[in-house]
């Protein structure tokens, strides 16, 4: 697990920026060399990073949701 304070924020931000980068590369590829699809290799790498960041953010969301449910349960009992 990454101990950097803003690692989760960067992972969350990449979930939105990653597809925009792929779209930009697609447009650049379409304008410069439409007969050769080189952007797919960059999209593959960005896609792998996107999936890893998605699971990192999902794990944090599940943890926060579970803690919120536990706090709500404990408050209801007392």
N, C-alpha and C. Protein backbone atom coordinates (compact mmCIF):
# COMPACT_ATOMS: atom_id res chain seq x y z
N UNK A 1 0.85 -1.18 0.00
CA UNK A 1 0.00 0.00 0.00
C UNK A 1 0.89 1.24 0.00
N UNK A 2 0.49 2.20 -0.78
CA UNK A 2 1.27 3.42 -0.88
C UNK A 2 0.98 4.32 0.32
N UNK A 3 2.04 4.81 0.95
CA UNK A 3 1.87 5.63 2.16
C UNK A 3 1.89 7.12 1.85
N UNK A 4 1.99 7.47 0.59
CA UNK A 4 1.99 8.88 0.24
C UNK A 4 0.60 9.47 0.54
N UNK A 5 0.54 10.67 1.12
CA UNK A 5 -0.75 11.21 1.56
C UNK A 5 -1.77 11.40 0.45
N UNK A 6 -1.33 11.78 -0.72
CA UNK A 6 -2.28 12.07 -1.79
C UNK A 6 -2.34 10.98 -2.85
N UNK A 7 -1.89 9.77 -2.53
CA UNK A 7 -1.88 8.68 -3.50
C UNK A 7 -3.30 8.30 -3.93
N UNK A 8 -4.23 8.26 -2.99
CA UNK A 8 -5.61 7.91 -3.32
C UNK A 8 -6.25 9.00 -4.18
N UNK A 9 -5.94 10.26 -3.88
CA UNK A 9 -6.48 11.35 -4.68
C UNK A 9 -5.97 11.27 -6.12
N UNK A 10 -4.69 10.96 -6.28
CA UNK A 10 -4.11 10.83 -7.62
C UNK A 10 -4.74 9.66 -8.36
N UNK A 11 -4.99 8.56 -7.66
CA UNK A 11 -5.63 7.40 -8.28
C UNK A 11 -7.05 7.76 -8.73
N UNK A 12 -7.78 8.48 -7.89
CA UNK A 12 -9.14 8.90 -8.25
C UNK A 12 -9.12 9.86 -9.43
N UNK A 13 -8.18 10.78 -9.45
CA UNK A 13 -8.07 11.75 -10.54
C UNK A 13 -7.73 11.05 -11.86
N UNK A 14 -6.88 10.02 -11.79
CA UNK A 14 -6.48 9.30 -12.99
C UNK A 14 -7.66 8.57 -13.63
N UNK A 15 -8.67 8.20 -12.84
CA UNK A 15 -9.84 7.53 -13.41
C UNK A 15 -10.57 8.42 -14.41
N UNK A 16 -10.42 9.74 -14.28
CA UNK A 16 -11.04 10.67 -15.21
C UNK A 16 -10.05 11.15 -16.28
N UNK A 17 -8.80 11.29 -15.92
CA UNK A 17 -7.81 11.83 -16.85
C UNK A 17 -7.34 10.76 -17.84
N UNK A 18 -7.23 9.52 -17.39
CA UNK A 18 -6.76 8.43 -18.25
C UNK A 18 -7.54 8.31 -19.56
N UNK A 19 -8.88 8.20 -19.51
CA UNK A 19 -9.63 8.13 -20.76
C UNK A 19 -9.51 9.38 -21.63
N UNK A 20 -9.33 10.54 -21.01
CA UNK A 20 -9.14 11.75 -21.80
C UNK A 20 -7.81 11.71 -22.56
N UNK A 21 -6.78 11.17 -21.91
CA UNK A 21 -5.48 11.03 -22.58
C UNK A 21 -5.60 10.07 -23.76
N UNK A 22 -6.30 8.96 -23.56
CA UNK A 22 -6.48 8.00 -24.65
C UNK A 22 -7.25 8.64 -25.81
N UNK A 23 -8.28 9.41 -25.50
CA UNK A 23 -9.05 10.08 -26.54
C UNK A 23 -8.18 11.09 -27.30
N UNK A 24 -7.35 11.83 -26.57
CA UNK A 24 -6.46 12.78 -27.22
C UNK A 24 -5.46 12.07 -28.12
N UNK A 25 -4.90 10.97 -27.66
CA UNK A 25 -3.98 10.20 -28.49
C UNK A 25 -4.67 9.63 -29.71
N UNK A 26 -5.93 9.23 -29.57
CA UNK A 26 -6.69 8.74 -30.71
C UNK A 26 -6.85 9.82 -31.77
N UNK A 27 -7.19 11.02 -31.33
CA UNK A 27 -7.36 12.13 -32.28
C UNK A 27 -6.03 12.47 -32.95
N UNK A 28 -4.96 12.50 -32.18
CA UNK A 28 -3.64 12.77 -32.76
C UNK A 28 -3.27 11.69 -33.77
N UNK A 29 -3.52 10.44 -33.43
CA UNK A 29 -3.23 9.34 -34.35
C UNK A 29 -4.07 9.45 -35.61
N UNK A 30 -5.32 9.80 -35.46
CA UNK A 30 -6.22 9.92 -36.60
C UNK A 30 -5.78 11.05 -37.54
N UNK A 31 -5.28 12.14 -36.95
CA UNK A 31 -4.87 13.28 -37.76
C UNK A 31 -3.49 13.08 -38.42
N UNK A 32 -2.59 12.39 -37.75
CA UNK A 32 -1.23 12.28 -38.26
C UNK A 32 -1.02 11.06 -39.15
N UNK A 33 -1.49 9.91 -38.73
CA UNK A 33 -1.28 8.69 -39.52
C UNK A 33 -2.48 7.77 -39.38
N UNK A 34 -3.55 8.02 -40.13
CA UNK A 34 -4.77 7.22 -39.96
C UNK A 34 -4.63 5.77 -40.44
N UNK A 35 -3.59 5.46 -41.21
CA UNK A 35 -3.43 4.09 -41.68
C UNK A 35 -2.63 3.22 -40.71
N UNK A 36 -1.99 3.83 -39.71
CA UNK A 36 -1.24 3.09 -38.71
C UNK A 36 -1.79 3.44 -37.33
N UNK A 37 -2.25 2.42 -36.60
CA UNK A 37 -2.86 2.65 -35.29
C UNK A 37 -1.84 2.41 -34.19
N UNK A 38 -1.03 3.41 -33.91
CA UNK A 38 -0.02 3.30 -32.87
C UNK A 38 -0.58 3.63 -31.49
N UNK A 39 -1.68 4.35 -31.43
CA UNK A 39 -2.22 4.78 -30.13
C UNK A 39 -2.71 3.61 -29.29
N UNK A 40 -2.97 2.47 -29.93
CA UNK A 40 -3.49 1.32 -29.19
C UNK A 40 -2.49 0.81 -28.16
N UNK A 41 -1.20 0.98 -28.41
CA UNK A 41 -0.20 0.51 -27.46
C UNK A 41 -0.16 1.42 -26.24
N UNK A 42 -0.30 2.70 -26.46
CA UNK A 42 -0.40 3.61 -25.31
C UNK A 42 -1.70 3.37 -24.55
N UNK A 43 -2.78 3.09 -25.29
CA UNK A 43 -4.08 2.82 -24.65
C UNK A 43 -4.01 1.55 -23.81
N UNK A 44 -3.23 0.57 -24.26
CA UNK A 44 -3.08 -0.66 -23.48
C UNK A 44 -2.41 -0.37 -22.14
N UNK A 45 -1.33 0.38 -22.16
CA UNK A 45 -0.64 0.72 -20.92
C UNK A 45 -1.48 1.58 -20.00
N UNK A 46 -2.15 2.57 -20.57
CA UNK A 46 -3.01 3.44 -19.76
C UNK A 46 -4.20 2.63 -19.22
N UNK A 47 -4.70 1.69 -20.01
CA UNK A 47 -5.80 0.85 -19.55
C UNK A 47 -5.42 -0.03 -18.38
N UNK A 48 -4.22 -0.59 -18.42
CA UNK A 48 -3.75 -1.40 -17.29
C UNK A 48 -3.62 -0.54 -16.04
N UNK A 49 -3.03 0.65 -16.19
CA UNK A 49 -2.91 1.56 -15.05
C UNK A 49 -4.28 1.99 -14.55
N UNK A 50 -5.24 2.18 -15.46
CA UNK A 50 -6.58 2.61 -15.07
C UNK A 50 -7.26 1.53 -14.22
N UNK A 51 -7.12 0.27 -14.62
CA UNK A 51 -7.74 -0.83 -13.86
C UNK A 51 -7.12 -0.93 -12.46
N UNK A 52 -5.80 -0.81 -12.38
CA UNK A 52 -5.13 -0.86 -11.08
C UNK A 52 -5.63 0.27 -10.19
N UNK A 53 -5.73 1.48 -10.74
CA UNK A 53 -6.21 2.62 -9.96
C UNK A 53 -7.68 2.46 -9.59
N UNK A 54 -8.47 1.86 -10.47
CA UNK A 54 -9.88 1.62 -10.16
C UNK A 54 -10.02 0.72 -8.94
N UNK A 55 -9.24 -0.36 -8.90
CA UNK A 55 -9.31 -1.26 -7.74
C UNK A 55 -8.81 -0.59 -6.48
N UNK A 56 -7.81 0.27 -6.61
CA UNK A 56 -7.30 1.00 -5.44
C UNK A 56 -8.39 1.93 -4.88
N UNK A 57 -9.09 2.64 -5.75
CA UNK A 57 -10.16 3.55 -5.31
C UNK A 57 -11.35 2.74 -4.78
N UNK A 58 -11.69 1.64 -5.44
CA UNK A 58 -12.81 0.82 -4.98
C UNK A 58 -12.53 0.24 -3.60
N UNK A 59 -11.29 -0.19 -3.36
CA UNK A 59 -10.94 -0.73 -2.05
C UNK A 59 -11.10 0.34 -0.97
N UNK A 60 -10.67 1.55 -1.26
CA UNK A 60 -10.81 2.64 -0.29
C UNK A 60 -12.29 2.98 -0.07
N UNK A 61 -13.09 2.96 -1.13
CA UNK A 61 -14.52 3.27 -0.99
C UNK A 61 -15.22 2.20 -0.16
N UNK A 62 -14.86 0.94 -0.36
CA UNK A 62 -15.46 -0.14 0.44
C UNK A 62 -15.06 -0.01 1.90
N UNK A 63 -13.81 0.34 2.14
CA UNK A 63 -13.34 0.52 3.51
C UNK A 63 -14.07 1.67 4.19
N UNK A 64 -14.20 2.79 3.52
CA UNK A 64 -14.89 3.94 4.11
C UNK A 64 -16.37 3.63 4.32
N UNK A 65 -16.99 2.94 3.36
CA UNK A 65 -18.39 2.57 3.51
C UNK A 65 -18.62 1.62 4.66
N UNK A 66 -17.69 0.66 4.82
CA UNK A 66 -17.80 -0.28 5.93
C UNK A 66 -17.64 0.41 7.27
N UNK A 67 -16.68 1.33 7.35
CA UNK A 67 -16.51 2.08 8.60
C UNK A 67 -17.72 2.95 8.91
N UNK A 68 -18.30 3.56 7.88
CA UNK A 68 -19.50 4.38 8.09
C UNK A 68 -20.67 3.52 8.58
N UNK A 69 -20.81 2.32 8.01
CA UNK A 69 -21.87 1.42 8.45
C UNK A 69 -21.64 0.96 9.88
N UNK A 70 -20.40 0.68 10.22
CA UNK A 70 -20.09 0.26 11.59
C UNK A 70 -20.38 1.38 12.59
N UNK A 71 -20.02 2.59 12.25
CA UNK A 71 -20.30 3.74 13.14
C UNK A 71 -21.80 3.94 13.29
N UNK A 72 -22.54 3.82 12.18
CA UNK A 72 -23.99 3.98 12.25
C UNK A 72 -24.62 2.89 13.12
N UNK A 73 -24.10 1.67 13.00
CA UNK A 73 -24.62 0.57 13.82
C UNK A 73 -24.33 0.79 15.29
N UNK A 74 -23.12 1.24 15.60
CA UNK A 74 -22.78 1.49 17.00
C UNK A 74 -23.58 2.66 17.58
N UNK A 75 -23.84 3.68 16.80
CA UNK A 75 -24.64 4.80 17.28
C UNK A 75 -26.10 4.37 17.50
N UNK A 76 -26.59 3.49 16.67
CA UNK A 76 -27.98 3.04 16.80
C UNK A 76 -28.15 2.21 18.07
N UNK A 77 -27.14 1.43 18.43
CA UNK A 77 -27.23 0.60 19.62
C UNK A 77 -27.18 1.40 20.91
N UNK A 78 -26.50 2.54 20.89
CA UNK A 78 -26.38 3.29 22.15
C UNK A 78 -27.37 4.42 22.25
